[in-house]
Amino acid sequence: MVIRKSRLRWFGHVERKDDNDWVKRCIKWEVEGIRQRGRPKKTWWDYVKNDMESLGLSQKYAQSRNKWRRRIMGQVANRGSPGKMAIKTVCVCVCLLER
C-alpha cells in the first residue's frame, strides 16, 4: 500500500507539470526495437493505471492537488464519489449499526 501511494503521489506531481516537461513526456514513451519472446514486462505506467483503477481514480483528478492527495491517502474528497475507500467506510458503519 505504501508503494502504491508513493507511485500515485509521484504520478499526480508529474501530471500537473507542463506538457513539454521531459519527465511528463517520459511517462508514455515507448522504446523502439525488437522485444524478446514471452510476456511483456509490466511498465511503471501499467502499474499506475492498475492503481488508479483499483482506487476508482481518473487521470483528470490529478489536476487538483488537494483532491488527489485526499483520494490516494484514503479520505474521500466527495461523499458521492465512487471508490473502494468509500465502500469500506460505509460497510464498517453498517456492521456497527447492526450490533
Protein backbone atom coordinates (compact mmCIF):
# COMPACT_ATOMS: atom_id res chain seq x y z
CA MET A 1 0.00 0.00 0.00
CA VAL A 2 2.88 2.37 0.76
CA ILE A 3 4.40 1.80 -2.67
CA ARG A 4 1.04 2.39 -4.34
CA LYS A 5 0.54 5.70 -2.53
CA SER A 6 4.06 6.85 -3.38
CA ARG A 7 3.64 5.89 -7.02
CA LEU A 8 0.32 7.76 -7.24
CA ARG A 9 1.72 10.81 -5.44
CA TRP A 10 4.57 10.96 -7.99
CA PHE A 11 2.11 10.48 -10.85
CA GLY A 12 -0.02 13.39 -9.60
CA HIS A 13 3.07 15.58 -9.36
CA VAL A 14 4.15 14.73 -12.91
CA GLU A 15 0.61 15.03 -14.29
CA ARG A 16 0.41 18.65 -13.10
CA LYS A 17 3.67 19.53 -14.88
CA ASP A 18 3.84 21.37 -18.20
CA ASP A 19 3.21 19.13 -21.24
CA ASN A 20 6.66 19.98 -22.62
CA ASP A 21 8.46 18.88 -19.44
CA TRP A 22 10.83 15.97 -20.11
CA VAL A 23 9.55 13.97 -17.14
CA LYS A 24 5.97 14.13 -18.36
CA ARG A 25 6.99 13.11 -21.87
CA CYS A 26 8.80 10.06 -20.47
CA ILE A 27 5.66 8.63 -18.85
CA LYS A 28 4.24 7.23 -22.07
CA TRP A 29 7.46 6.96 -24.03
CA GLU A 30 7.75 3.65 -25.84
CA VAL A 31 11.14 2.18 -26.56
CA GLU A 32 11.76 1.26 -30.15
CA GLY A 33 13.32 -2.01 -31.13
CA ILE A 34 12.65 -5.70 -31.07
CA ARG A 35 11.17 -7.15 -27.92
CA GLN A 36 12.21 -10.54 -26.64
CA ARG A 37 9.90 -13.55 -26.67
CA GLY A 38 7.32 -14.06 -23.95
CA ARG A 39 5.01 -11.86 -21.97
CA PRO A 40 5.95 -8.17 -21.99
CA LYS A 41 7.19 -6.82 -18.66
CA LYS A 42 4.85 -4.51 -16.79
CA THR A 43 5.87 -0.89 -17.06
CA TRP A 44 5.55 1.83 -14.45
CA TRP A 45 2.61 3.23 -16.41
CA ASP A 46 0.85 -0.18 -16.31
CA TYR A 47 1.13 -0.20 -12.51
CA VAL A 48 -0.17 3.37 -12.24
CA LYS A 49 -3.19 2.58 -14.41
CA ASN A 50 -3.91 -0.50 -12.29
CA ASP A 51 -3.57 1.50 -9.05
CA MET A 52 -5.91 4.24 -10.32
CA GLU A 53 -8.48 1.67 -11.42
CA SER A 54 -8.42 -0.16 -8.08
CA LEU A 55 -9.00 3.11 -6.18
CA GLY A 56 -11.61 4.45 -8.61
CA LEU A 57 -9.42 7.37 -9.70
CA SER A 58 -9.26 9.16 -13.01
CA GLN A 59 -6.32 10.95 -14.60
CA LYS A 60 -8.27 14.23 -14.54
CA TYR A 61 -8.43 14.17 -10.72
CA ALA A 62 -4.65 14.66 -10.57
CA GLN A 63 -5.03 18.27 -11.75
CA SER A 64 -6.33 19.26 -8.31
CA ARG A 65 -3.53 18.55 -5.82
CA ASN A 66 -5.73 18.61 -2.72
CA LYS A 67 -8.38 16.27 -4.11
CA TRP A 68 -5.75 13.92 -5.49
CA ARG A 69 -3.88 13.71 -2.18
CA ARG A 70 -7.09 13.12 -0.21
CA ARG A 71 -8.20 10.34 -2.54
CA ILE A 72 -4.91 8.45 -2.56
CA MET A 73 -4.44 8.80 1.20
CA GLY A 74 -7.80 7.12 1.82
CA GLN A 75 -10.01 10.10 2.53
CA VAL A 76 -12.88 10.66 0.18
CA ALA A 77 -12.94 14.21 -1.17
CA ASN A 78 -16.60 13.96 -2.18
CA ARG A 79 -19.05 11.69 -0.34
CA GLY A 80 -20.81 10.72 -3.58
CA SER A 81 -17.64 9.70 -5.41
CA PRO A 82 -17.03 6.03 -6.21
CA GLY A 83 -14.02 4.18 -4.90
CA LYS A 84 -13.05 1.30 -2.67
CA MET A 85 -12.19 3.51 0.28
CA ALA A 86 -15.70 4.95 0.39
CA ILE A 87 -17.27 1.49 0.18
CA LYS A 88 -15.12 0.14 3.02
CA THR A 89 -16.10 3.06 5.25
CA VAL A 90 -19.80 2.52 4.58
CA CYS A 91 -19.54 -1.23 5.25
CA VAL A 92 -17.88 -0.65 8.62
CA CYS A 93 -20.63 1.77 9.65
CA VAL A 94 -23.39 -0.66 8.62
CA CYS A 95 -21.80 -3.54 10.57
CA LEU A 96 -21.53 -1.43 13.70
CA LEU A 97 -25.14 -0.31 13.48
CA GLU A 98 -26.42 -3.90 13.25
CA ARG A 99 -24.85 -4.84 16.59
